[in-house]
Each structure stands twice: as structure tokens, then as C-alpha cells.
Amino acid sequence: MFTKIELQESIASNSNISLAQADVVVDALVRDMAAALVRGEGIEIPLFGTFSLVPVENTIHLSEDGTRAAEIVSADRVVFEPALALQGLMAFAANHPPFDWSARPAEPNDA
């Protein structure tokens, strides 16, 4: 699983900023995305995908022993739909060995 610290390290190294600055970026991104969802807004990130809210109806769940019931109040569920570009990358990756995104192509004079 890709973790928050790995995202921060990637942002820091790819943007030439400190790890502390990358932490601020990641926290702001997560905070703003969560706030948009709480307001009932969807989120669209081109080439990556969309986050949307899907209503969930009231449901009743029984305890494991079947003696108690708890009603779950309806709420919205967050659903992620990957963009076609991301779906294509995932399909490609499923059929090919891992790709090293940090590797650069060989220069013509490297031979």
C-alpha cells in the first residue's frame, strides 16, 4: 500500500521542496478534498479519476449472535471512478513487469 509518507517523499523529491513542505501540501490536499465531499461536491482530477457521493439507504444490521439490531442511518458513500487513462495504465501494468518511473531513458552517447 502506498502510504502518506511515500507520497510526501515523492512530492518532495520531484518538486525540489523539503519533506516538511510536502507534508503541508499533502495535508492541504486531503483537507480540501474532504471538505468538498462534506459539502456534497464531487472531485474530478483529470487523467486520474473522480470521487463522487452515492446515497446509501437506511439499513438494519444484526449483531453476530442475532440478538441485537442496530439501524444505520442513511448517509452518502464516497465512490472513486478511475479515469480511462488510469484504467489503461492499470491494465498495462497488470500484463507487464513493474515499471521504474524514476529511470530515465539512455542517452545516445551512453553506449
Protein backbone atom coordinates (compact mmCIF):
# COMPACT_ATOMS: atom_id res chain seq x y z
CA MET A 1 0.00 0.00 0.00
CA PHE A 2 1.25 3.46 -0.92
CA THR A 3 1.46 5.48 2.29
CA LYS A 4 1.23 9.18 3.14
CA ILE A 5 4.96 9.37 3.88
CA GLU A 6 5.76 7.80 0.50
CA LEU A 7 3.56 10.41 -1.19
CA GLN A 8 5.30 13.17 0.76
CA GLU A 9 8.74 11.82 -0.19
CA SER A 10 7.72 11.60 -3.85
CA ILE A 11 6.36 15.16 -3.88
CA ALA A 12 9.46 16.46 -2.09
CA SER A 13 11.93 14.78 -4.44
CA ASN A 14 10.01 15.55 -7.64
CA SER A 15 9.35 19.19 -6.71
CA ASN A 16 12.64 20.07 -5.01
CA ILE A 17 10.88 21.03 -1.78
CA SER A 18 11.52 19.86 1.77
CA LEU A 19 9.71 16.92 3.32
CA ALA A 20 8.05 19.36 5.75
CA GLN A 21 6.75 21.44 2.84
CA ALA A 22 5.48 18.28 1.12
CA ASP A 23 3.69 17.36 4.36
CA VAL A 24 1.87 20.71 4.24
CA VAL A 25 0.91 20.08 0.60
CA VAL A 26 -0.46 16.59 1.30
CA ASP A 27 -2.36 17.74 4.40
CA ALA A 28 -3.92 20.65 2.48
CA LEU A 29 -4.91 18.35 -0.39
CA VAL A 30 -6.57 15.81 1.89
CA ARG A 31 -8.27 18.51 3.98
CA ASP A 32 -9.66 20.32 0.94
CA MET A 33 -10.85 17.11 -0.72
CA ALA A 34 -12.59 16.01 2.48
CA ALA A 35 -14.22 19.44 2.86
CA ALA A 36 -15.54 19.31 -0.71
CA LEU A 37 -17.05 15.87 -0.11
CA VAL A 38 -18.63 17.01 3.17
CA ARG A 39 -20.22 19.91 1.23
CA GLY A 40 -21.70 17.32 -1.15
CA GLU A 41 -19.41 18.15 -4.04
CA GLY A 42 -17.69 15.65 -6.27
CA ILE A 43 -13.99 15.88 -7.06
CA GLU A 44 -12.56 15.49 -10.55
CA ILE A 45 -8.83 15.04 -11.16
CA PRO A 46 -8.11 14.82 -14.90
CA LEU A 47 -6.33 11.64 -16.02
CA PHE A 48 -6.77 10.19 -12.50
CA GLY A 49 -10.48 9.95 -11.80
CA THR A 50 -13.49 11.28 -9.94
CA PHE A 51 -14.73 10.98 -6.38
CA SER A 52 -18.49 11.22 -6.01
CA LEU A 53 -21.12 10.69 -3.35
CA VAL A 54 -23.68 7.90 -3.66
CA PRO A 55 -26.66 7.86 -1.28
CA VAL A 56 -26.96 4.82 0.97
CA GLU A 57 -30.37 3.89 2.36
CA ASN A 58 -31.11 3.06 5.99
CA THR A 59 -30.15 -0.49 6.79
CA ILE A 60 -30.55 -2.72 9.81
CA HIS A 61 -27.68 -4.93 10.91
CA LEU A 62 -27.91 -7.75 13.42
CA SER A 63 -25.21 -8.49 15.94
CA GLU A 64 -23.16 -11.63 15.37
CA ASP A 65 -25.33 -13.60 17.78
CA GLY A 66 -28.50 -12.25 16.14
CA THR A 67 -29.95 -10.84 19.37
CA ARG A 68 -29.47 -7.10 18.78
CA ALA A 69 -30.33 -4.90 15.82
CA ALA A 70 -28.76 -1.58 15.04
CA GLU A 71 -30.16 0.80 12.47
CA ILE A 72 -27.60 2.53 10.34
CA VAL A 73 -28.79 5.98 9.39
CA SER A 74 -28.62 6.79 5.71
CA ALA A 75 -25.53 8.63 4.61
CA ASP A 76 -23.53 9.15 1.48
CA ARG A 77 -20.75 6.81 0.49
CA VAL A 78 -17.68 8.06 -1.36
CA VAL A 79 -17.08 6.25 -4.65
CA PHE A 80 -13.95 6.54 -6.78
CA GLU A 81 -14.20 6.05 -10.55
CA PRO A 82 -10.78 5.87 -12.23
CA ALA A 83 -10.29 7.88 -15.42
CA LEU A 84 -9.79 5.97 -18.67
CA ALA A 85 -6.11 6.97 -18.67
CA LEU A 86 -5.60 5.43 -15.22
CA GLN A 87 -7.58 2.33 -16.21
CA GLY A 88 -5.30 1.94 -19.23
CA LEU A 89 -2.17 2.25 -17.07
CA MET A 90 -3.56 -0.31 -14.62
CA ALA A 91 -4.38 -2.74 -17.42
CA PHE A 92 -0.91 -2.29 -18.92
CA ALA A 93 0.76 -2.78 -15.51
CA ALA A 94 -1.24 -5.96 -14.90
CA ASN A 95 0.29 -7.52 -18.01
CA HIS A 96 3.85 -6.22 -17.76
CA PRO A 97 6.65 -6.29 -15.18
CA PRO A 98 6.84 -3.34 -12.78
CA PHE A 99 7.91 -0.11 -14.47
CA ASP A 100 10.59 2.04 -12.85
CA TRP A 101 9.14 5.53 -13.23
CA SER A 102 12.36 7.08 -11.90
CA ALA A 103 14.55 5.53 -14.59
CA ARG A 104 15.49 7.82 -17.42
CA PRO A 105 15.98 6.66 -20.99
CA ALA A 106 19.57 6.05 -22.02
CA GLU A 107 21.21 8.98 -23.75
CA PRO A 108 22.52 8.29 -27.29
CA ASN A 109 26.12 8.77 -26.06
CA ASP A 110 25.71 6.33 -23.12
CA ALA A 111 26.66 3.35 -25.26
